[in-house]
Amino acid sequence: MCGNLMSGHGITKCTFCGLVQVVPMPSDKEIASFYREDMEHFAPYIDQIEVHREYFRKTLQTVIPDRVGNDRRLLDIGCAMGVFL
């Protein structure tokens, strides 16, 4: 990747499998600090998470097959709470 460091962590890609990861792995404390503000933003939606999951399940079944190639791979950028995953 570009080799730039953010908060002392770099991003590297495995030349064998293509996995991209943060190196060194951030600690649990660093991760909690990074996402703290995001979780406050999503708090009102947590109670409705099953509604969101059902919406995205239907989306996957109806919209995605027409837009994804034969290998059926999809990258969800900005997955927020992860309900689409």
PDB file of N, CA and C in Angstrom:
ATOM      1  N   MET A   1       0.855  -1.163   0.000  1.00  0.00           N
ATOM      2  CA  MET A   1       0.000   0.000   0.000  1.00  0.00           C
ATOM      3  C   MET A   1       0.906   1.233   0.000  1.00  0.00           C
ATOM      4  N   CYS A   2       0.400   2.371   0.391  1.00  0.00           N
ATOM      5  CA  CYS A   2       1.185   3.600   0.297  1.00  0.00           C
ATOM      6  C   CYS A   2       2.279   3.689   1.351  1.00  0.00           C
ATOM      7  N   GLY A   3       2.211   2.890   2.410  1.00  0.00           N
ATOM      8  CA  GLY A   3       3.236   2.915   3.442  1.00  0.00           C
ATOM      9  C   GLY A   3       3.048   3.989   4.489  1.00  0.00           C
ATOM     10  N   ASN A   4       1.990   4.770   4.394  1.00  0.00           N
ATOM     11  CA  ASN A   4       1.736   5.827   5.365  1.00  0.00           C
ATOM     12  C   ASN A   4       1.278   5.212   6.685  1.00  0.00           C
ATOM     13  N   LEU A   5       1.706   5.821   7.778  1.00  0.00           N
ATOM     14  CA  LEU A   5       1.296   5.337   9.096  1.00  0.00           C
ATOM     15  C   LEU A   5       0.229   6.240   9.675  1.00  0.00           C
ATOM     16  N   MET A   6      -0.766   5.641  10.309  1.00  0.00           N
ATOM     17  CA  MET A   6      -1.809   6.399  10.987  1.00  0.00           C
ATOM     18  C   MET A   6      -1.829   5.934  12.432  1.00  0.00           C
ATOM     19  N   SER A   7      -1.559   6.823  13.336  1.00  0.00           N
ATOM     20  CA  SER A   7      -1.522   6.480  14.764  1.00  0.00           C
ATOM     21  C   SER A   7      -0.533   5.361  15.052  1.00  0.00           C
ATOM     22  N   GLY A   8       0.567   5.323  14.303  1.00  0.00           N
ATOM     23  CA  GLY A   8       1.585   4.309  14.534  1.00  0.00           C
ATOM     24  C   GLY A   8       1.293   2.961  13.918  1.00  0.00           C
ATOM     25  N   HIS A   9       0.237   2.851  13.124  1.00  0.00           N
ATOM     26  CA  HIS A   9      -0.136   1.582  12.498  1.00  0.00           C
ATOM     27  C   HIS A   9      -0.059   1.725  10.987  1.00  0.00           C
ATOM     28  N   GLY A  10       0.473   0.708  10.345  1.00  0.00           N
ATOM     29  CA  GLY A  10       0.528   0.686   8.894  1.00  0.00           C
ATOM     30  C   GLY A  10      -0.476  -0.311   8.341  1.00  0.00           C
ATOM     31  N   ILE A  11      -0.602  -0.336   7.029  1.00  0.00           N
ATOM     32  CA  ILE A  11      -1.490  -1.285   6.363  1.00  0.00           C
ATOM     33  C   ILE A  11      -0.626  -2.098   5.414  1.00  0.00           C
ATOM     34  N   THR A  12      -0.777  -3.410   5.448  1.00  0.00           N
ATOM     35  CA  THR A  12       0.019  -4.281   4.595  1.00  0.00           C
ATOM     36  C   THR A  12      -0.891  -5.291   3.898  1.00  0.00           C
ATOM     37  N   LYS A  13      -0.419  -5.776   2.747  1.00  0.00           N
ATOM     38  CA  LYS A  13      -1.192  -6.747   1.971  1.00  0.00           C
ATOM     39  C   LYS A  13      -0.363  -8.013   1.795  1.00  0.00           C
ATOM     40  N   CYS A  14      -0.949  -9.147   2.089  1.00  0.00           N
ATOM     41  CA  CYS A  14      -0.284 -10.435   1.927  1.00  0.00           C
ATOM     42  C   CYS A  14      -0.106 -10.714   0.437  1.00  0.00           C
ATOM     43  N   THR A  15       1.125 -11.033   0.026  1.00  0.00           N
ATOM     44  CA  THR A  15       1.383 -11.306  -1.389  1.00  0.00           C
ATOM     45  C   THR A  15       0.858 -12.672  -1.816  1.00  0.00           C
ATOM     46  N   PHE A  16       0.549 -13.533  -0.857  1.00  0.00           N
ATOM     47  CA  PHE A  16       0.049 -14.871  -1.174  1.00  0.00           C
ATOM     48  C   PHE A  16      -1.470 -14.888  -1.350  1.00  0.00           C
ATOM     49  N   CYS A  17      -2.198 -14.372  -0.336  1.00  0.00           N
ATOM     50  CA  CYS A  17      -3.670 -14.476  -0.368  1.00  0.00           C
ATOM     51  C   CYS A  17      -4.368 -13.145  -0.639  1.00  0.00           C
ATOM     52  N   GLY A  18      -3.648 -12.015  -0.525  1.00  0.00           N
ATOM     53  CA  GLY A  18      -4.247 -10.714  -0.790  1.00  0.00           C
ATOM     54  C   GLY A  18      -4.932 -10.071   0.395  1.00  0.00           C
ATOM     55  N   LEU A  19      -4.877 -10.722   1.572  1.00  0.00           N
ATOM     56  CA  LEU A  19      -5.483 -10.152   2.770  1.00  0.00           C
ATOM     57  C   LEU A  19      -4.812  -8.823   3.107  1.00  0.00           C
ATOM     58  N   VAL A  20      -5.612  -7.813   3.372  1.00  0.00           N
ATOM     59  CA  VAL A  20      -5.103  -6.506   3.784  1.00  0.00           C
ATOM     60  C   VAL A  20      -5.388  -6.353   5.268  1.00  0.00           C
ATOM     61  N   GLN A  21      -4.362  -5.945   6.026  1.00  0.00           N
ATOM     62  CA  GLN A  21      -4.540  -5.831   7.466  1.00  0.00           C
ATOM     63  C   GLN A  21      -3.717  -4.693   8.047  1.00  0.00           C
ATOM     64  N   VAL A  22      -4.099  -4.285   9.251  1.00  0.00           N
ATOM     65  CA  VAL A  22      -3.391  -3.249   9.996  1.00  0.00           C
ATOM     66  C   VAL A  22      -2.250  -3.921  10.751  1.00  0.00           C
ATOM     67  N   VAL A  23      -1.041  -3.321  10.658  1.00  0.00           N
ATOM     68  CA  VAL A  23       0.129  -3.868  11.343  1.00  0.00           C
ATOM     69  C   VAL A  23       0.845  -2.747  12.063  1.00  0.00           C
ATOM     70  N   PRO A  24       1.158  -2.876  13.336  1.00  0.00           N
ATOM     71  CA  PRO A  24       0.733  -3.953  14.217  1.00  0.00           C
ATOM     72  C   PRO A  24      -0.750  -3.802  14.546  1.00  0.00           C
ATOM     73  N   MET A  25      -1.358  -4.910  14.950  1.00  0.00           N
ATOM     74  CA  MET A  25      -2.780  -4.883  15.302  1.00  0.00           C
ATOM     75  C   MET A  25      -3.010  -3.912  16.448  1.00  0.00           C
ATOM     76  N   PRO A  26      -4.023  -3.055  16.344  1.00  0.00           N
ATOM     77  CA  PRO A  26      -4.327  -2.141  17.454  1.00  0.00           C
ATOM     78  C   PRO A  26      -4.831  -2.922  18.665  1.00  0.00           C
ATOM     79  N   SER A  27      -4.565  -2.380  19.828  1.00  0.00           N
ATOM     80  CA  SER A  27      -5.032  -3.013  21.064  1.00  0.00           C
ATOM     81  C   SER A  27      -6.545  -2.831  21.201  1.00  0.00           C
ATOM     82  N   ASP A  28      -7.150  -3.600  22.090  1.00  0.00           N
ATOM     83  CA  ASP A  28      -8.585  -3.452  22.360  1.00  0.00           C
ATOM     84  C   ASP A  28      -8.903  -2.027  22.801  1.00  0.00           C
ATOM     85  N   LYS A  29      -8.022  -1.447  23.589  1.00  0.00           N
ATOM     86  CA  LYS A  29      -8.224  -0.077  24.076  1.00  0.00           C
ATOM     87  C   LYS A  29      -8.204   0.922  22.914  1.00  0.00           C
ATOM     88  N   GLU A  30      -7.273   0.752  21.974  1.00  0.00           N
ATOM     89  CA  GLU A  30      -7.209   1.640  20.808  1.00  0.00           C
ATOM     90  C   GLU A  30      -8.458   1.501  19.943  1.00  0.00           C
ATOM     91  N   ILE A  31      -8.906   0.290  19.744  1.00  0.00           N
ATOM     92  CA  ILE A  31     -10.104   0.057  18.930  1.00  0.00           C
ATOM     93  C   ILE A  31     -11.326   0.677  19.590  1.00  0.00           C
ATOM     94  N   ALA A  32     -11.478   0.473  20.889  1.00  0.00           N
ATOM     95  CA  ALA A  32     -12.620   1.048  21.617  1.00  0.00           C
ATOM     96  C   ALA A  32     -12.611   2.561  21.525  1.00  0.00           C
ATOM     97  N   SER A  33     -11.441   3.165  21.651  1.00  0.00           N
ATOM     98  CA  SER A  33     -11.324   4.619  21.563  1.00  0.00           C
ATOM     99  C   SER A  33     -11.694   5.113  20.166  1.00  0.00           C
ATOM    100  N   PHE A  34     -11.261   4.384  19.146  1.00  0.00           N
ATOM    101  CA  PHE A  34     -11.511   4.778  17.762  1.00  0.00           C
ATOM    102  C   PHE A  34     -13.004   4.758  17.432  1.00  0.00           C
ATOM    103  N   TYR A  35     -13.719   3.756  17.933  1.00  0.00           N
ATOM    104  CA  TYR A  35     -15.129   3.587  17.592  1.00  0.00           C
ATOM    105  C   TYR A  35     -16.105   4.208  18.583  1.00  0.00           C
ATOM    106  N   ARG A  36     -15.619   4.740  19.675  1.00  0.00           N
ATOM    107  CA  ARG A  36     -16.504   5.269  20.717  1.00  0.00           C
ATOM    108  C   ARG A  36     -17.519   6.271  20.152  1.00  0.00           C
ATOM    109  N   GLU A  37     -17.051   7.250  19.392  1.00  0.00           N
ATOM    110  CA  GLU A  37     -17.967   8.266  18.847  1.00  0.00           C
ATOM    111  C   GLU A  37     -18.949   7.654  17.858  1.00  0.00           C
ATOM    112  N   ASP A  38     -18.497   6.696  17.059  1.00  0.00           N
ATOM    113  CA  ASP A  38     -19.397   6.052  16.103  1.00  0.00           C
ATOM    114  C   ASP A  38     -20.517   5.307  16.814  1.00  0.00           C
ATOM    115  N   MET A  39     -20.192   4.633  17.897  1.00  0.00           N
ATOM    116  CA  MET A  39     -21.212   3.877  18.621  1.00  0.00           C
ATOM    117  C   MET A  39     -22.274   4.800  19.211  1.00  0.00           C
ATOM    118  N   GLU A  40     -21.856   5.978  19.654  1.00  0.00           N
ATOM    119  CA  GLU A  40     -22.833   6.938  20.165  1.00  0.00           C
ATOM    120  C   GLU A  40     -23.785   7.364  19.050  1.00  0.00           C
ATOM    121  N   HIS A  41     -23.255   7.507  17.848  1.00  0.00           N
ATOM    122  CA  HIS A  41     -24.072   7.894  16.692  1.00  0.00           C
ATOM    123  C   HIS A  41     -25.092   6.805  16.346  1.00  0.00           C
ATOM    124  N   PHE A  42     -24.684   5.539  16.466  1.00  0.00           N
ATOM    125  CA  PHE A  42     -25.554   4.432  16.072  1.00  0.00           C
ATOM    126  C   PHE A  42     -26.491   3.957  17.177  1.00  0.00           C
ATOM    127  N   ALA A  43     -26.339   4.469  18.386  1.00  0.00           N
ATOM    128  CA  ALA A  43     -27.145   4.008  19.521  1.00  0.00           C
ATOM    129  C   ALA A  43     -28.645   3.976  19.225  1.00  0.00           C
ATOM    130  N   PRO A  44     -29.224   5.002  18.576  1.00  0.00           N
ATOM    131  CA  PRO A  44     -30.673   4.953  18.313  1.00  0.00           C
ATOM    132  C   PRO A  44     -31.091   3.821  17.370  1.00  0.00           C
ATOM    133  N   TYR A  45     -30.148   3.309  16.572  1.00  0.00           N
ATOM    134  CA  TYR A  45     -30.476   2.274  15.599  1.00  0.00           C
ATOM    135  C   TYR A  45     -30.312   0.861  16.143  1.00  0.00           C
ATOM    136  N   ILE A  46     -29.593   0.715  17.261  1.00  0.00           N
ATOM    137  CA  ILE A  46     -29.320  -0.611  17.809  1.00  0.00           C
ATOM    138  C   ILE A  46     -30.613  -1.364  18.106  1.00  0.00           C
ATOM    139  N   ASP A  47     -31.615  -0.682  18.648  1.00  0.00           N
ATOM    140  CA  ASP A  47     -32.882  -1.339  18.975  1.00  0.00           C
ATOM    141  C   ASP A  47     -33.603  -1.854  17.731  1.00  0.00           C
ATOM    142  N   GLN A  48     -33.289  -1.291  16.580  1.00  0.00           N
ATOM    143  CA  GLN A  48     -33.963  -1.676  15.343  1.00  0.00           C
ATOM    144  C   GLN A  48     -33.065  -2.517  14.439  1.00  0.00           C
ATOM    145  N   ILE A  49     -32.018  -3.115  14.995  1.00  0.00           N
ATOM    146  CA  ILE A  49     -31.036  -3.805  14.160  1.00  0.00           C
ATOM    147  C   ILE A  49     -31.648  -4.955  13.362  1.00  0.00           C
ATOM    148  N   GLU A  50     -32.621  -5.662  13.922  1.00  0.00           N
ATOM    149  CA  GLU A  50     -33.247  -6.771  13.190  1.00  0.00           C
ATOM    150  C   GLU A  50     -34.037  -6.264  11.989  1.00  0.00           C
ATOM    151  N   VAL A  51     -34.636  -5.098  12.096  1.00  0.00           N
ATOM    152  CA  VAL A  51     -35.339  -4.492  10.958  1.00  0.00           C
ATOM    153  C   VAL A  51     -34.347  -4.199   9.841  1.00  0.00           C
ATOM    154  N   HIS A  52     -33.187  -3.666  10.198  1.00  0.00           N
ATOM    155  CA  HIS A  52     -32.152  -3.366   9.206  1.00  0.00           C
ATOM    156  C   HIS A  52     -31.614  -4.648   8.572  1.00  0.00           C
ATOM    157  N   ARG A  53     -31.411  -5.677   9.376  1.00  0.00           N
ATOM    158  CA  ARG A  53     -30.920  -6.952   8.834  1.00  0.00           C
ATOM    159  C   ARG A  53     -31.902  -7.529   7.823  1.00  0.00           C
ATOM    160  N   GLU A  54     -33.181  -7.469   8.128  1.00  0.00           N
ATOM    161  CA  GLU A  54     -34.200  -7.988   7.212  1.00  0.00           C
ATOM    162  C   GLU A  54     -34.214  -7.186   5.914  1.00  0.00           C
ATOM    163  N   TYR A  55     -34.086  -5.875   6.016  1.00  0.00           N
ATOM    164  CA  TYR A  55     -34.043  -5.024   4.821  1.00  0.00           C
ATOM    165  C   TYR A  55     -32.866  -5.417   3.929  1.00  0.00           C
ATOM    166  N   PHE A  56     -31.684  -5.565   4.525  1.00  0.00           N
ATOM    167  CA  PHE A  56     -30.507  -5.893   3.726  1.00  0.00           C
ATOM    168  C   PHE A  56     -30.552  -7.330   3.212  1.00  0.00           C
ATOM    169  N   ARG A  57     -31.183  -8.237   3.944  1.00  0.00           N
ATOM    170  CA  ARG A  57     -31.348  -9.603   3.453  1.00  0.00           C
ATOM    171  C   ARG A  57     -32.172  -9.592   2.166  1.00  0.00           C
ATOM    172  N   LYS A  58     -33.263  -8.825   2.177  1.00  0.00           N
ATOM    173  CA  LYS A  58     -34.096  -8.711   0.976  1.00  0.00           C
ATOM    174  C   LYS A  58     -33.333  -8.029  -0.152  1.00  0.00           C
ATOM    175  N   THR A  59     -32.546  -7.020   0.196  1.00  0.00           N
ATOM    176  CA  THR A  59     -31.738  -6.332  -0.813  1.00  0.00           C
ATOM    177  C   THR A  59     -30.766  -7.304  -1.466  1.00  0.00           C
ATOM    178  N   LEU A  60     -30.099  -8.107  -0.662  1.00  0.00           N
ATOM    179  CA  LEU A  60     -29.163  -9.086  -1.206  1.00  0.00           C
ATOM    180  C   LEU A  60     -29.854 -10.059  -2.149  1.00  0.00           C
ATOM    181  N   GLN A  61     -31.042 -10.486  -1.807  1.00  0.00           N
ATOM    182  CA  GLN A  61     -31.753 -11.473  -2.617  1.00  0.00           C
ATOM    183  C   GLN A  61     -32.308 -10.898  -3.910  1.00  0.00           C
ATOM    184  N   THR A  62     -32.643  -9.607  -3.918  1.00  0.00           N
ATOM    185  CA  THR A  62     -33.307  -9.051  -5.096  1.00  0.00           C
ATOM    186  C   THR A  62     -32.433  -8.148  -5.953  1.00  0.00           C
ATOM    187  N   VAL A  63     -31.631  -7.317  -5.350  1.00  0.00           N
ATOM    188  CA  VAL A  63     -30.872  -6.320  -6.106  1.00  0.00           C
ATOM    189  C   VAL A  63     -29.483  -6.810  -6.488  1.00  0.00           C
ATOM    190  N   ILE A  64     -28.795  -7.422  -5.575  1.00  0.00           N
ATOM    191  CA  ILE A  64     -27.396  -7.777  -5.772  1.00  0.00           C
ATOM    192  C   ILE A  64     -27.156  -8.779  -6.900  1.00  0.00           C
ATOM    193  N   PRO A  65     -27.941  -9.849  -7.047  1.00  0.00           N
ATOM    194  CA  PRO A  65     -27.636 -10.818  -8.107  1.00  0.00           C
ATOM    195  C   PRO A  65     -27.526 -10.201  -9.499  1.00  0.00           C
ATOM    196  N   ASP A  66     -28.248  -9.151  -9.771  1.00  0.00           N
ATOM    197  CA  ASP A  66     -28.190  -8.499 -11.077  1.00  0.00           C
ATOM    198  C   ASP A  66     -26.955  -7.620 -11.248  1.00  0.00           C
ATOM    199  N   ARG A  67     -26.261  -7.321 -10.160  1.00  0.00           N
ATOM    200  CA  ARG A  67     -25.153  -6.374 -10.225  1.00  0.00           C
ATOM    201  C   ARG A  67     -23.792  -6.977  -9.878  1.00  0.00           C
ATOM    202  N   VAL A  68     -23.763  -8.217  -9.493  1.00  0.00           N
ATOM    203  CA  VAL A  68     -22.515  -8.862  -9.086  1.00  0.00           C
ATOM    204  C   VAL A  68     -22.128  -9.868 -10.156  1.00  0.00           C
ATOM    205  N   GLY A  69     -20.839  -9.957 -10.452  1.00  0.00           N
ATOM    206  CA  GLY A  69     -20.361 -10.872 -11.473  1.00  0.00           C
ATOM    207  C   GLY A  69     -20.568 -12.332 -11.110  1.00  0.00           C
ATOM    208  N   ASN A  70     -20.133 -13.221 -11.995  1.00  0.00           N
ATOM    209  CA  ASN A  70     -20.333 -14.657 -11.801  1.00  0.00           C
ATOM    210  C   ASN A  70     -19.639 -15.208 -10.565  1.00  0.00           C
ATOM    211  N   ASP A  71     -18.564 -14.557 -10.126  1.00  0.00           N
ATOM    212  CA  ASP A  71     -17.855 -15.077  -8.954  1.00  0.00           C
ATOM    213  C   ASP A  71     -18.545 -14.695  -7.652  1.00  0.00           C
ATOM    214  N   ARG A  72     -19.597 -13.876  -7.716  1.00  0.00           N
ATOM    215  CA  ARG A  72     -20.439 -13.530  -6.566  1.00  0.00           C
ATOM    216  C   ARG A  72     -19.669 -12.927  -5.397  1.00  0.00           C
ATOM    217  N   ARG A  73     -18.750 -12.021  -5.683  1.00  0.00           N
ATOM    218  CA  ARG A  73     -18.025 -11.346  -4.615  1.00  0.00           C
ATOM    219  C   ARG A  73     -18.527  -9.919  -4.499  1.00  0.00           C
ATOM    220  N   LEU A  74     -18.608  -9.443  -3.262  1.00  0.00           N
ATOM    221  CA  LEU A  74     -19.130  -8.117  -2.986  1.00  0.00           C
ATOM    222  C   LEU A  74     -18.308  -7.487  -1.876  1.00  0.00           C
ATOM    223  N   LEU A  75     -17.886  -6.258  -2.073  1.00  0.00           N
ATOM    224  CA  LEU A  75     -17.149  -5.530  -1.045  1.00  0.00           C
ATOM    225  C   LEU A  75     -18.057  -4.449  -0.494  1.00  0.00           C
ATOM    226  N   ASP A  76     -18.304  -4.494   0.801  1.00  0.00           N
ATOM    227  CA  ASP A  76     -19.152  -3.509   1.478  1.00  0.00           C
ATOM    228  C   ASP A  76     -18.243  -2.461   2.095  1.00  0.00           C
ATOM    229  N   ILE A  77     -18.140  -1.309   1.480  1.00  0.00           N
ATOM    230  CA  ILE A  77     -17.287  -0.230   1.980  1.00  0.00           C
ATOM    231  C   ILE A  77     -18.114   0.652   2.900  1.00  0.00           C
ATOM    232  N   GLY A  78     -17.576   0.906   4.072  1.00  0.00           N
ATOM    233  CA  GLY A  78     -18.302   1.726   5.036  1.00  0.00           C
ATOM    234  C   GLY A  78     -19.465   0.967   5.629  1.00  0.00           C
ATOM    235  N   CYS A  79     -19.190  -0.207   6.173  1.00  0.00           N
ATOM    236  CA  CYS A  79     -20.265  -1.110   6.602  1.00  0.00           C
ATOM    237  C   CYS A  79     -20.978  -0.681   7.879  1.00  0.00           C
ATOM    238  N   ALA A  80     -20.595   0.438   8.476  1.00  0.00           N
ATOM    239  CA  ALA A  80     -21.285   0.973   9.659  1.00  0.00           C
ATOM    240  C   ALA A  80     -21.429  -0.085  10.739  1.00  0.00           C
ATOM    241  N   MET A  81     -22.658  -0.493  11.034  1.00  0.00           N
ATOM    242  CA  MET A  81     -22.887  -1.488  12.090  1.00  0.00           C
ATOM    243  C   MET A  81     -22.691  -2.911  11.592  1.00  0.00           C
ATOM    244  N   GLY A  82     -22.498  -3.086  10.315  1.00  0.00           N
ATOM    245  CA  GLY A  82     -22.255  -4.421   9.779  1.00  0.00           C
ATOM    246  C   GLY A  82     -23.493  -5.225   9.460  1.00  0.00           C
ATOM    247  N   VAL A  83     -24.660  -4.629   9.459  1.00  0.00           N
ATOM    248  CA  VAL A  83     -25.876  -5.405   9.208  1.00  0.00           C
ATOM    249  C   VAL A  83     -25.943  -5.905   7.771  1.00  0.00           C
ATOM    250  N   PHE A  84     -25.304  -5.215   6.846  1.00  0.00           N
ATOM    251  CA  PHE A  84     -25.301  -5.656   5.454  1.00  0.00           C
ATOM    252  C   PHE A  84     -24.416  -6.884   5.283  1.00  0.00           C
ATOM    253  N   LEU A  85     -23.378  -6.976   6.123  1.00  0.00           N
ATOM    254  CA  LEU A  85     -22.489  -8.134   6.044  1.00  0.00           C
ATOM    255  C   LEU A  85     -23.250  -9.357   6.417  1.00  0.00           C
TER     256      LEU A  85
END
